[in-house]
């Protein structure tokens, strides 16, 4: 979550040079934006990587494809 926050800030400051990361939402702060994107047409088959905050070495990372898994 900290890396995502920093990259979003750098995108605001320096623009497209920091456009190398996938679409990222920081939950729960951006939950509404995530739900809106998730429910758009064409996103039904999208896989999402869900990483708990403040964990390392891949602990707690899951892949979800529906809201029930979140």
PDB file of N, CA and C in Angstrom:
ATOM      1  N   UNK A   1       0.812  -1.188   0.000  1.00  0.00           N
ATOM      2  CA  UNK A   1       0.000   0.000   0.000  1.00  0.00           C
ATOM      3  C   UNK A   1       0.862   1.260   0.000  1.00  0.00           C
ATOM      4  N   UNK A   2       1.986   1.229   0.691  1.00  0.00           N
ATOM      5  CA  UNK A   2       2.849   2.413   0.685  1.00  0.00           C
ATOM      6  C   UNK A   2       3.471   2.652  -0.688  1.00  0.00           C
ATOM      7  N   UNK A   3       3.885   1.582  -1.357  1.00  0.00           N
ATOM      8  CA  UNK A   3       4.447   1.728  -2.697  1.00  0.00           C
ATOM      9  C   UNK A   3       3.406   2.292  -3.654  1.00  0.00           C
ATOM     10  N   UNK A   4       2.180   1.795  -3.576  1.00  0.00           N
ATOM     11  CA  UNK A   4       1.109   2.295  -4.448  1.00  0.00           C
ATOM     12  C   UNK A   4       0.843   3.772  -4.186  1.00  0.00           C
ATOM     13  N   UNK A   5       0.834   4.171  -2.933  1.00  0.00           N
ATOM     14  CA  UNK A   5       0.627   5.593  -2.596  1.00  0.00           C
ATOM     15  C   UNK A   5       1.741   6.460  -3.175  1.00  0.00           C
ATOM     16  N   UNK A   6       2.976   6.013  -3.016  1.00  0.00           N
ATOM     17  CA  UNK A   6       4.110   6.790  -3.523  1.00  0.00           C
ATOM     18  C   UNK A   6       4.091   6.902  -5.047  1.00  0.00           C
ATOM     19  N   UNK A   7       3.779   5.821  -5.724  1.00  0.00           N
ATOM     20  CA  UNK A   7       3.744   5.862  -7.186  1.00  0.00           C
ATOM     21  C   UNK A   7       2.610   6.761  -7.667  1.00  0.00           C
ATOM     22  N   UNK A   8       1.452   6.720  -7.012  1.00  0.00           N
ATOM     23  CA  UNK A   8       0.356   7.619  -7.394  1.00  0.00           C
ATOM     24  C   UNK A   8       0.761   9.070  -7.214  1.00  0.00           C
ATOM     25  N   UNK A   9       1.470   9.365  -6.137  1.00  0.00           N
ATOM     26  CA  UNK A   9       1.935  10.734  -5.908  1.00  0.00           C
ATOM     27  C   UNK A   9       2.944  11.155  -6.983  1.00  0.00           C
ATOM     28  N   UNK A  10       3.841  10.248  -7.341  1.00  0.00           N
ATOM     29  CA  UNK A  10       4.833  10.552  -8.372  1.00  0.00           C
ATOM     30  C   UNK A  10       4.162  10.753  -9.733  1.00  0.00           C
ATOM     31  N   UNK A  11       3.102   9.985 -10.018  1.00  0.00           N
ATOM     32  CA  UNK A  11       2.354  10.185 -11.264  1.00  0.00           C
ATOM     33  C   UNK A  11       1.751  11.576 -11.316  1.00  0.00           C
ATOM     34  N   UNK A  12       1.238  12.050 -10.168  1.00  0.00           N
ATOM     35  CA  UNK A  12       0.666  13.396 -10.122  1.00  0.00           C
ATOM     36  C   UNK A  12       1.741  14.456 -10.367  1.00  0.00           C
ATOM     37  N   UNK A  13       2.919  14.230  -9.818  1.00  0.00           N
ATOM     38  CA  UNK A  13       3.991  15.218  -9.940  1.00  0.00           C
ATOM     39  C   UNK A  13       4.672  15.188 -11.302  1.00  0.00           C
ATOM     40  N   UNK A  14       4.962  13.988 -11.825  1.00  0.00           N
ATOM     41  CA  UNK A  14       5.803  13.853 -13.011  1.00  0.00           C
ATOM     42  C   UNK A  14       5.109  13.259 -14.225  1.00  0.00           C
ATOM     43  N   UNK A  15       3.858  12.877 -14.107  1.00  0.00           N
ATOM     44  CA  UNK A  15       3.089  12.431 -15.262  1.00  0.00           C
ATOM     45  C   UNK A  15       3.380  11.024 -15.719  1.00  0.00           C
ATOM     46  N   UNK A  16       3.330  10.833 -17.034  1.00  0.00           N
ATOM     47  CA  UNK A  16       3.341   9.509 -17.659  1.00  0.00           C
ATOM     48  C   UNK A  16       4.619   8.707 -17.456  1.00  0.00           C
ATOM     49  N   UNK A  17       5.687   9.330 -17.042  1.00  0.00           N
ATOM     50  CA  UNK A  17       6.920   8.568 -16.806  1.00  0.00           C
ATOM     51  C   UNK A  17       6.717   7.520 -15.703  1.00  0.00           C
ATOM     52  N   UNK A  18       5.746   7.743 -14.835  1.00  0.00           N
ATOM     53  CA  UNK A  18       5.434   6.793 -13.769  1.00  0.00           C
ATOM     54  C   UNK A  18       4.213   5.949 -14.094  1.00  0.00           C
ATOM     55  N   UNK A  19       3.944   5.747 -15.355  1.00  0.00           N
ATOM     56  CA  UNK A  19       2.789   4.963 -15.780  1.00  0.00           C
ATOM     57  C   UNK A  19       3.204   3.528 -16.118  1.00  0.00           C
ATOM     58  N   UNK A  20       3.958   2.890 -15.239  1.00  0.00           N
ATOM     59  CA  UNK A  20       4.438   1.532 -15.498  1.00  0.00           C
ATOM     60  C   UNK A  20       3.829   0.486 -14.571  1.00  0.00           C
ATOM     61  N   UNK A  21       2.908   0.900 -13.713  1.00  0.00           N
ATOM     62  CA  UNK A  21       2.286  -0.055 -12.797  1.00  0.00           C
ATOM     63  C   UNK A  21       0.863  -0.379 -13.251  1.00  0.00           C
ATOM     64  N   UNK A  22       0.354  -1.539 -12.888  1.00  0.00           N
ATOM     65  CA  UNK A  22      -1.034  -1.860 -13.239  1.00  0.00           C
ATOM     66  C   UNK A  22      -2.005  -1.005 -12.431  1.00  0.00           C
ATOM     67  N   UNK A  23      -3.244  -0.998 -12.842  1.00  0.00           N
ATOM     68  CA  UNK A  23      -4.291  -0.285 -12.127  1.00  0.00           C
ATOM     69  C   UNK A  23      -4.332  -0.778 -10.683  1.00  0.00           C
ATOM     70  N   UNK A  24      -4.286   0.155  -9.736  1.00  0.00           N
ATOM     71  CA  UNK A  24      -4.179  -0.189  -8.323  1.00  0.00           C
ATOM     72  C   UNK A  24      -5.183   0.607  -7.514  1.00  0.00           C
ATOM     73  N   UNK A  25      -5.833  -0.070  -6.585  1.00  0.00           N
ATOM     74  CA  UNK A  25      -6.739   0.595  -5.648  1.00  0.00           C
ATOM     75  C   UNK A  25      -6.268   0.279  -4.236  1.00  0.00           C
ATOM     76  N   UNK A  26      -6.276   1.278  -3.380  1.00  0.00           N
ATOM     77  CA  UNK A  26      -5.900   1.092  -1.992  1.00  0.00           C
ATOM     78  C   UNK A  26      -7.191   1.047  -1.177  1.00  0.00           C
ATOM     79  N   UNK A  27      -7.480  -0.139  -0.651  1.00  0.00           N
ATOM     80  CA  UNK A  27      -8.713  -0.334   0.094  1.00  0.00           C
ATOM     81  C   UNK A  27      -8.451  -0.171   1.587  1.00  0.00           C
ATOM     82  N   UNK A  28      -9.351   0.363   2.339  1.00  0.00           N
ATOM     83  CA  UNK A  28     -10.727   0.715   2.033  1.00  0.00           C
ATOM     84  C   UNK A  28     -10.902   2.133   1.474  1.00  0.00           C
ATOM     85  N   UNK A  29      -9.855   2.940   1.408  1.00  0.00           N
ATOM     86  CA  UNK A  29      -9.986   4.339   0.978  1.00  0.00           C
ATOM     87  C   UNK A  29     -10.595   4.492  -0.407  1.00  0.00           C
ATOM     88  N   UNK A  30     -10.230   3.641  -1.342  1.00  0.00           N
ATOM     89  CA  UNK A  30     -10.693   3.757  -2.721  1.00  0.00           C
ATOM     90  C   UNK A  30     -11.701   2.665  -3.080  1.00  0.00           C
ATOM     91  N   UNK A  31     -12.436   2.198  -2.085  1.00  0.00           N
ATOM     92  CA  UNK A  31     -13.383   1.096  -2.279  1.00  0.00           C
ATOM     93  C   UNK A  31     -14.453   1.439  -3.309  1.00  0.00           C
ATOM     94  N   UNK A  32     -15.020   2.631  -3.248  1.00  0.00           N
ATOM     95  CA  UNK A  32     -16.076   3.017  -4.197  1.00  0.00           C
ATOM     96  C   UNK A  32     -15.565   3.043  -5.625  1.00  0.00           C
ATOM     97  N   UNK A  33     -14.364   3.579  -5.841  1.00  0.00           N
ATOM     98  CA  UNK A  33     -13.787   3.593  -7.181  1.00  0.00           C
ATOM     99  C   UNK A  33     -13.532   2.173  -7.678  1.00  0.00           C
ATOM    100  N   UNK A  34     -13.051   1.309  -6.779  1.00  0.00           N
ATOM    101  CA  UNK A  34     -12.805  -0.079  -7.147  1.00  0.00           C
ATOM    102  C   UNK A  34     -14.097  -0.772  -7.554  1.00  0.00           C
ATOM    103  N   UNK A  35     -15.159  -0.607  -6.772  1.00  0.00           N
ATOM    104  CA  UNK A  35     -16.448  -1.233  -7.076  1.00  0.00           C
ATOM    105  C   UNK A  35     -16.981  -0.732  -8.412  1.00  0.00           C
ATOM    106  N   UNK A  36     -16.889   0.566  -8.660  1.00  0.00           N
ATOM    107  CA  UNK A  36     -17.352   1.124  -9.933  1.00  0.00           C
ATOM    108  C   UNK A  36     -16.601   0.513 -11.102  1.00  0.00           C
ATOM    109  N   UNK A  37     -15.276   0.393 -10.993  1.00  0.00           N
ATOM    110  CA  UNK A  37     -14.488  -0.204 -12.074  1.00  0.00           C
ATOM    111  C   UNK A  37     -14.807  -1.699 -12.199  1.00  0.00           C
ATOM    112  N   UNK A  38     -14.913  -2.382 -11.088  1.00  0.00           N
ATOM    113  CA  UNK A  38     -15.173  -3.821 -11.080  1.00  0.00           C
ATOM    114  C   UNK A  38     -16.491  -4.147 -11.774  1.00  0.00           C
ATOM    115  N   UNK A  39     -17.500  -3.290 -11.595  1.00  0.00           N
ATOM    116  CA  UNK A  39     -18.835  -3.552 -12.137  1.00  0.00           C
ATOM    117  C   UNK A  39     -19.042  -3.044 -13.557  1.00  0.00           C
ATOM    118  N   UNK A  40     -18.046  -2.409 -14.174  1.00  0.00           N
ATOM    119  CA  UNK A  40     -18.172  -1.957 -15.564  1.00  0.00           C
ATOM    120  C   UNK A  40     -18.259  -3.158 -16.498  1.00  0.00           C
ATOM    121  N   UNK A  41     -18.945  -2.957 -17.606  1.00  0.00           N
ATOM    122  CA  UNK A  41     -19.025  -4.009 -18.623  1.00  0.00           C
ATOM    123  C   UNK A  41     -17.628  -4.334 -19.148  1.00  0.00           C
ATOM    124  N   UNK A  42     -17.376  -5.607 -19.346  1.00  0.00           N
ATOM    125  CA  UNK A  42     -16.090  -6.045 -19.873  1.00  0.00           C
ATOM    126  C   UNK A  42     -15.093  -6.410 -18.788  1.00  0.00           C
ATOM    127  N   UNK A  43     -15.390  -6.138 -17.539  1.00  0.00           N
ATOM    128  CA  UNK A  43     -14.468  -6.448 -16.448  1.00  0.00           C
ATOM    129  C   UNK A  43     -14.872  -7.694 -15.668  1.00  0.00           C
ATOM    130  N   UNK A  44     -15.820  -8.461 -16.201  1.00  0.00           N
ATOM    131  CA  UNK A  44     -16.315  -9.622 -15.473  1.00  0.00           C
ATOM    132  C   UNK A  44     -15.243 -10.693 -15.278  1.00  0.00           C
ATOM    133  N   UNK A  45     -14.332 -10.815 -16.215  1.00  0.00           N
ATOM    134  CA  UNK A  45     -13.322 -11.876 -16.169  1.00  0.00           C
ATOM    135  C   UNK A  45     -11.967 -11.380 -15.671  1.00  0.00           C
ATOM    136  N   UNK A  46     -11.909 -10.195 -15.115  1.00  0.00           N
ATOM    137  CA  UNK A  46     -10.650  -9.629 -14.662  1.00  0.00           C
ATOM    138  C   UNK A  46     -10.201 -10.279 -13.359  1.00  0.00           C
ATOM    139  N   UNK A  47      -8.931 -10.601 -13.278  1.00  0.00           N
ATOM    140  CA  UNK A  47      -8.352 -11.116 -12.046  1.00  0.00           C
ATOM    141  C   UNK A  47      -7.694  -9.967 -11.293  1.00  0.00           C
ATOM    142  N   UNK A  48      -7.800  -9.987  -9.976  1.00  0.00           N
ATOM    143  CA  UNK A  48      -7.229  -8.950  -9.133  1.00  0.00           C
ATOM    144  C   UNK A  48      -6.298  -9.579  -8.113  1.00  0.00           C
ATOM    145  N   UNK A  49      -5.165  -8.944  -7.894  1.00  0.00           N
ATOM    146  CA  UNK A  49      -4.234  -9.372  -6.857  1.00  0.00           C
ATOM    147  C   UNK A  49      -4.569  -8.564  -5.608  1.00  0.00           C
ATOM    148  N   UNK A  50      -4.831  -9.257  -4.545  1.00  0.00           N
ATOM    149  CA  UNK A  50      -5.216  -8.614  -3.285  1.00  0.00           C
ATOM    150  C   UNK A  50      -4.108  -8.855  -2.267  1.00  0.00           C
ATOM    151  N   UNK A  51      -3.466  -7.763  -1.836  1.00  0.00           N
ATOM    152  CA  UNK A  51      -2.348  -7.854  -0.906  1.00  0.00           C
ATOM    153  C   UNK A  51      -2.684  -7.125   0.383  1.00  0.00           C
ATOM    154  N   UNK A  52      -2.596  -7.800   1.520  1.00  0.00           N
ATOM    155  CA  UNK A  52      -2.817  -7.126   2.797  1.00  0.00           C
ATOM    156  C   UNK A  52      -1.728  -6.085   3.048  1.00  0.00           C
ATOM    157  N   UNK A  53      -2.065  -5.041   3.760  1.00  0.00           N
ATOM    158  CA  UNK A  53      -1.064  -4.007   4.026  1.00  0.00           C
ATOM    159  C   UNK A  53      -0.040  -4.497   5.052  1.00  0.00           C
ATOM    160  N   UNK A  54       1.158  -3.985   4.927  1.00  0.00           N
ATOM    161  CA  UNK A  54       2.251  -4.208   5.875  1.00  0.00           C
ATOM    162  C   UNK A  54       2.698  -5.660   6.005  1.00  0.00           C
ATOM    163  N   UNK A  55       2.471  -6.466   4.995  1.00  0.00           N
ATOM    164  CA  UNK A  55       3.013  -7.825   5.025  1.00  0.00           C
ATOM    165  C   UNK A  55       4.068  -7.948   3.940  1.00  0.00           C
ATOM    166  N   UNK A  56       4.965  -8.903   4.101  1.00  0.00           N
ATOM    167  CA  UNK A  56       6.059  -9.050   3.147  1.00  0.00           C
ATOM    168  C   UNK A  56       6.218 -10.500   2.733  1.00  0.00           C
ATOM    169  N   UNK A  57       7.080 -10.703   1.759  1.00  0.00           N
ATOM    170  CA  UNK A  57       7.431 -12.033   1.258  1.00  0.00           C
ATOM    171  C   UNK A  57       6.241 -12.815   0.733  1.00  0.00           C
ATOM    172  N   UNK A  58       5.212 -12.121   0.248  1.00  0.00           N
ATOM    173  CA  UNK A  58       4.070 -12.777  -0.361  1.00  0.00           C
ATOM    174  C   UNK A  58       3.051 -13.343   0.606  1.00  0.00           C
ATOM    175  N   UNK A  59       3.219 -13.097   1.884  1.00  0.00           N
ATOM    176  CA  UNK A  59       2.277 -13.632   2.869  1.00  0.00           C
ATOM    177  C   UNK A  59       0.923 -12.942   2.730  1.00  0.00           C
ATOM    178  N   UNK A  60      -0.134 -13.716   2.648  1.00  0.00           N
ATOM    179  CA  UNK A  60      -1.486 -13.179   2.624  1.00  0.00           C
ATOM    180  C   UNK A  60      -1.974 -12.696   1.265  1.00  0.00           C
ATOM    181  N   UNK A  61      -1.182 -12.837   0.218  1.00  0.00           N
ATOM    182  CA  UNK A  61      -1.607 -12.393  -1.114  1.00  0.00           C
ATOM    183  C   UNK A  61      -2.572 -13.420  -1.692  1.00  0.00           C
ATOM    184  N   UNK A  62      -3.693 -12.923  -2.241  1.00  0.00           N
ATOM    185  CA  UNK A  62      -4.662 -13.798  -2.887  1.00  0.00           C
ATOM    186  C   UNK A  62      -5.037 -13.209  -4.245  1.00  0.00           C
ATOM    187  N   UNK A  63      -5.568 -14.059  -5.096  1.00  0.00           N
ATOM    188  CA  UNK A  63      -6.084 -13.627  -6.399  1.00  0.00           C
ATOM    189  C   UNK A  63      -7.585 -13.803  -6.369  1.00  0.00           C
ATOM    190  N   UNK A  64      -8.301 -12.736  -6.726  1.00  0.00           N
ATOM    191  CA  UNK A  64      -9.757 -12.793  -6.690  1.00  0.00           C
ATOM    192  C   UNK A  64     -10.315 -12.479  -8.075  1.00  0.00           C
ATOM    193  N   UNK A  65     -11.513 -13.009  -8.333  1.00  0.00           N
ATOM    194  CA  UNK A  65     -12.197 -12.684  -9.584  1.00  0.00           C
ATOM    195  C   UNK A  65     -13.661 -12.350  -9.346  1.00  0.00           C
ATOM    196  N   UNK A  66     -14.088 -12.333  -8.082  1.00  0.00           N
ATOM    197  CA  UNK A  66     -15.445 -11.888  -7.773  1.00  0.00           C
ATOM    198  C   UNK A  66     -15.442 -11.211  -6.403  1.00  0.00           C
ATOM    199  N   UNK A  67     -16.465 -10.416  -6.152  1.00  0.00           N
ATOM    200  CA  UNK A  67     -16.521  -9.613  -4.938  1.00  0.00           C
ATOM    201  C   UNK A  67     -16.681 -10.454  -3.674  1.00  0.00           C
ATOM    202  N   UNK A  68     -17.227 -11.650  -3.794  1.00  0.00           N
ATOM    203  CA  UNK A  68     -17.395 -12.503  -2.623  1.00  0.00           C
ATOM    204  C   UNK A  68     -16.047 -12.901  -2.017  1.00  0.00           C
ATOM    205  N   UNK A  69     -15.027 -13.008  -2.857  1.00  0.00           N
ATOM    206  CA  UNK A  69     -13.691 -13.377  -2.385  1.00  0.00           C
ATOM    207  C   UNK A  69     -13.000 -12.232  -1.657  1.00  0.00           C
ATOM    208  N   UNK A  70     -13.416 -11.014  -1.944  1.00  0.00           N
ATOM    209  CA  UNK A  70     -12.768  -9.861  -1.313  1.00  0.00           C
ATOM    210  C   UNK A  70     -13.152  -9.790   0.144  1.00  0.00           C
TER     211      UNK A  70
END
